[in-house]
Amino acid sequence: MFNLWLHIIALVAYLGAILGLGVMLLPSLSSVETHEDKVHFLARGLKFYNPLQVGALGLVLFSGAFELTHLKALYREMFLKELGYNLAIKLTFAFLLVFFSVYQAMGIGHRFVKRRELGESITPTELDSVVRRLSGANWLILFLAIITIWLGLRLQS
């Protein structure tokens, strides 16, 4: 029961982080006046967002794996026959979700924050590119998360 609640809470935190980035942080960049302030604002936001996203996703993965162990114990030898195909599809989408989430947080966000902290200059073109990549990855992640959640709910029924 604890694992289920942990899974749900971590999932809510993860989805909240994804939605927060796409609905609050990235759109609010347009209201910031100067380029340097935009860079500073985005770096501060990503400094909070990146660990939250990756940490919540890690909790979702581990608590989901523990729940899967529980299902395996319930189904015993019928586990693969009953859940194998649906589980394989769900795990494929979960893998894609992890891949793109880590790419967004570490490949785009973390690199941007480190460049800012090292004092490197970031041109407006580079900032626009980072924002576009973050936004594109964010909506893809949200789409993959919805599909993965739907497939997970199908496993429970």
Protein backbone atom coordinates (compact mmCIF):
# COMPACT_ATOMS: atom_id res chain seq x y z
CA MET A 1 0.00 0.00 0.00
CA PHE A 2 2.87 2.35 0.83
CA ASN A 3 4.44 1.76 -2.59
CA LEU A 4 1.16 2.60 -4.31
CA TRP A 5 0.85 5.91 -2.46
CA LEU A 6 4.49 6.71 -3.08
CA HIS A 7 3.96 5.96 -6.77
CA ILE A 8 0.91 8.23 -6.97
CA ILE A 9 2.55 11.10 -5.08
CA ALA A 10 5.73 10.86 -7.16
CA LEU A 11 3.65 10.75 -10.33
CA VAL A 12 1.75 13.88 -9.31
CA ALA A 13 5.05 15.64 -8.53
CA TYR A 14 6.51 14.55 -11.88
CA LEU A 15 3.47 15.66 -13.88
CA GLY A 16 3.36 18.89 -11.90
CA ALA A 17 6.98 19.59 -12.80
CA ILE A 18 6.34 18.87 -16.48
CA LEU A 19 3.24 21.07 -16.56
CA GLY A 20 4.96 23.77 -14.50
CA LEU A 21 7.78 24.03 -16.99
CA GLY A 22 5.48 24.13 -20.01
CA VAL A 23 2.71 26.31 -18.61
CA MET A 24 4.50 28.61 -16.16
CA LEU A 25 8.28 28.87 -16.55
CA LEU A 26 8.76 28.90 -20.31
CA PRO A 27 5.79 31.19 -21.14
CA SER A 28 6.78 33.65 -18.40
CA LEU A 29 10.13 34.25 -20.13
CA SER A 30 8.35 36.52 -22.60
CA SER A 31 7.44 38.95 -19.80
CA VAL A 32 11.08 39.39 -18.73
CA GLU A 33 12.55 42.55 -20.25
CA THR A 34 16.27 42.13 -20.93
CA HIS A 35 18.13 39.21 -22.45
CA GLU A 36 20.44 38.84 -19.45
CA ASP A 37 17.45 38.74 -17.10
CA LYS A 38 15.83 36.06 -19.27
CA VAL A 39 18.98 33.93 -19.09
CA HIS A 40 19.18 34.40 -15.31
CA PHE A 41 15.44 33.67 -14.85
CA LEU A 42 15.55 30.49 -16.94
CA ALA A 43 18.72 29.24 -15.24
CA ARG A 44 17.19 29.75 -11.78
CA GLY A 45 13.99 28.00 -12.82
CA LEU A 46 15.85 25.07 -14.35
CA LYS A 47 18.05 24.76 -11.27
CA PHE A 48 14.89 23.90 -9.32
CA TYR A 49 13.11 22.00 -12.10
CA ASN A 50 15.87 19.58 -13.19
CA PRO A 51 16.39 17.79 -9.83
CA LEU A 52 12.64 17.79 -9.16
CA GLN A 53 11.86 16.19 -12.52
CA VAL A 54 14.62 13.57 -12.38
CA GLY A 55 14.04 12.77 -8.70
CA ALA A 56 10.28 12.39 -9.09
CA LEU A 57 10.78 10.25 -12.19
CA GLY A 58 13.19 8.03 -10.26
CA LEU A 59 10.62 7.56 -7.51
CA VAL A 60 7.94 6.77 -10.10
CA LEU A 61 10.17 4.14 -11.70
CA PHE A 62 11.21 2.41 -8.48
CA SER A 63 7.79 2.46 -6.86
CA GLY A 64 6.29 1.20 -10.13
CA ALA A 65 8.81 -1.64 -10.21
CA PHE A 66 7.86 -2.57 -6.64
CA GLU A 67 4.17 -2.57 -7.62
CA LEU A 68 5.03 -4.78 -10.58
CA THR A 69 6.73 -7.21 -8.23
CA HIS A 70 3.50 -7.30 -6.22
CA LEU A 71 1.48 -8.06 -9.39
CA LYS A 72 3.95 -10.78 -10.33
CA ALA A 73 3.43 -12.41 -6.94
CA LEU A 74 -0.34 -12.30 -7.39
CA TYR A 75 -0.39 -13.77 -10.90
CA ARG A 76 2.50 -16.22 -10.40
CA GLU A 77 2.91 -18.45 -13.45
CA MET A 78 0.11 -16.64 -15.34
CA PHE A 79 1.95 -13.31 -15.13
CA LEU A 80 3.42 -13.28 -18.63
CA LYS A 81 0.35 -14.80 -20.21
CA GLU A 82 -2.01 -12.27 -18.62
CA LEU A 83 0.13 -9.15 -18.63
CA GLY A 84 3.10 -9.79 -20.92
CA TYR A 85 1.99 -7.96 -24.07
CA ASN A 86 0.51 -4.94 -22.28
CA LEU A 87 3.50 -4.76 -19.97
CA ALA A 88 5.94 -4.84 -22.89
CA ILE A 89 4.14 -1.94 -24.56
CA LYS A 90 4.00 0.04 -21.31
CA LEU A 91 7.68 -0.54 -20.60
CA THR A 92 8.55 0.61 -24.13
CA PHE A 93 6.74 3.89 -23.56
CA ALA A 94 8.26 4.16 -20.07
CA PHE A 95 11.72 3.75 -21.58
CA LEU A 96 11.01 6.51 -24.12
CA LEU A 97 9.67 8.69 -21.32
CA VAL A 98 12.83 8.23 -19.27
CA PHE A 99 15.03 8.80 -22.31
CA PHE A 100 13.41 12.10 -23.27
CA SER A 101 13.04 13.28 -19.66
CA VAL A 102 16.73 12.78 -18.96
CA TYR A 103 17.58 14.40 -22.30
CA GLN A 104 15.51 17.45 -21.37
CA ALA A 105 16.79 17.74 -17.80
CA MET A 106 20.45 16.82 -18.32
CA GLY A 107 21.08 17.29 -22.02
CA ILE A 108 19.39 20.67 -22.34
CA GLY A 109 18.58 22.13 -18.93
CA HIS A 110 21.65 21.13 -16.92
CA ARG A 111 24.04 22.14 -19.70
CA PHE A 112 22.35 25.54 -19.94
CA VAL A 113 22.57 26.11 -16.17
CA LYS A 114 26.24 25.08 -16.09
CA ARG A 115 27.08 27.42 -18.98
CA ARG A 116 25.39 30.25 -17.09
CA GLU A 117 27.17 29.42 -13.84
CA LEU A 118 30.55 29.30 -15.59
CA GLY A 119 29.93 32.81 -16.91
CA GLU A 120 29.78 31.88 -20.57
CA SER A 121 27.88 34.30 -22.72
CA ILE A 122 24.60 33.04 -24.14
CA THR A 123 23.36 34.80 -27.24
CA PRO A 124 19.67 35.49 -27.87
CA THR A 125 19.73 32.91 -30.66
CA GLU A 126 21.14 30.27 -28.30
CA LEU A 127 18.55 31.14 -25.67
CA ASP A 128 15.74 30.82 -28.21
CA SER A 129 17.14 27.46 -29.29
CA VAL A 130 17.25 26.21 -25.68
CA VAL A 131 13.69 27.38 -25.03
CA ARG A 132 12.42 25.72 -28.24
CA ARG A 133 14.14 22.44 -27.42
CA LEU A 134 12.89 22.51 -23.82
CA SER A 135 9.35 23.25 -24.97
CA GLY A 136 9.34 20.60 -27.70
CA ALA A 137 10.75 17.95 -25.39
CA ASN A 138 8.30 19.00 -22.68
CA TRP A 139 5.20 18.41 -24.78
CA LEU A 140 6.59 15.11 -26.07
CA ILE A 141 7.28 14.04 -22.47
CA LEU A 142 3.75 14.98 -21.43
CA PHE A 143 2.32 12.96 -24.34
CA LEU A 144 4.48 9.94 -23.45
CA ALA A 145 3.55 10.28 -19.77
CA ILE A 146 -0.17 10.26 -20.57
CA ILE A 147 0.19 7.16 -22.75
CA THR A 148 2.32 5.41 -20.11
CA ILE A 149 -0.20 6.23 -17.36
CA TRP A 150 -3.06 4.98 -19.51
CA LEU A 151 -1.23 1.73 -20.24
CA GLY A 152 -0.42 1.37 -16.52
CA LEU A 153 -4.07 1.74 -15.62
CA ARG A 154 -4.92 -0.95 -18.16
CA LEU A 155 -2.50 -3.30 -16.38
CA GLN A 156 -4.36 -2.82 -13.11
CA SER A 157 -7.74 -3.78 -14.55
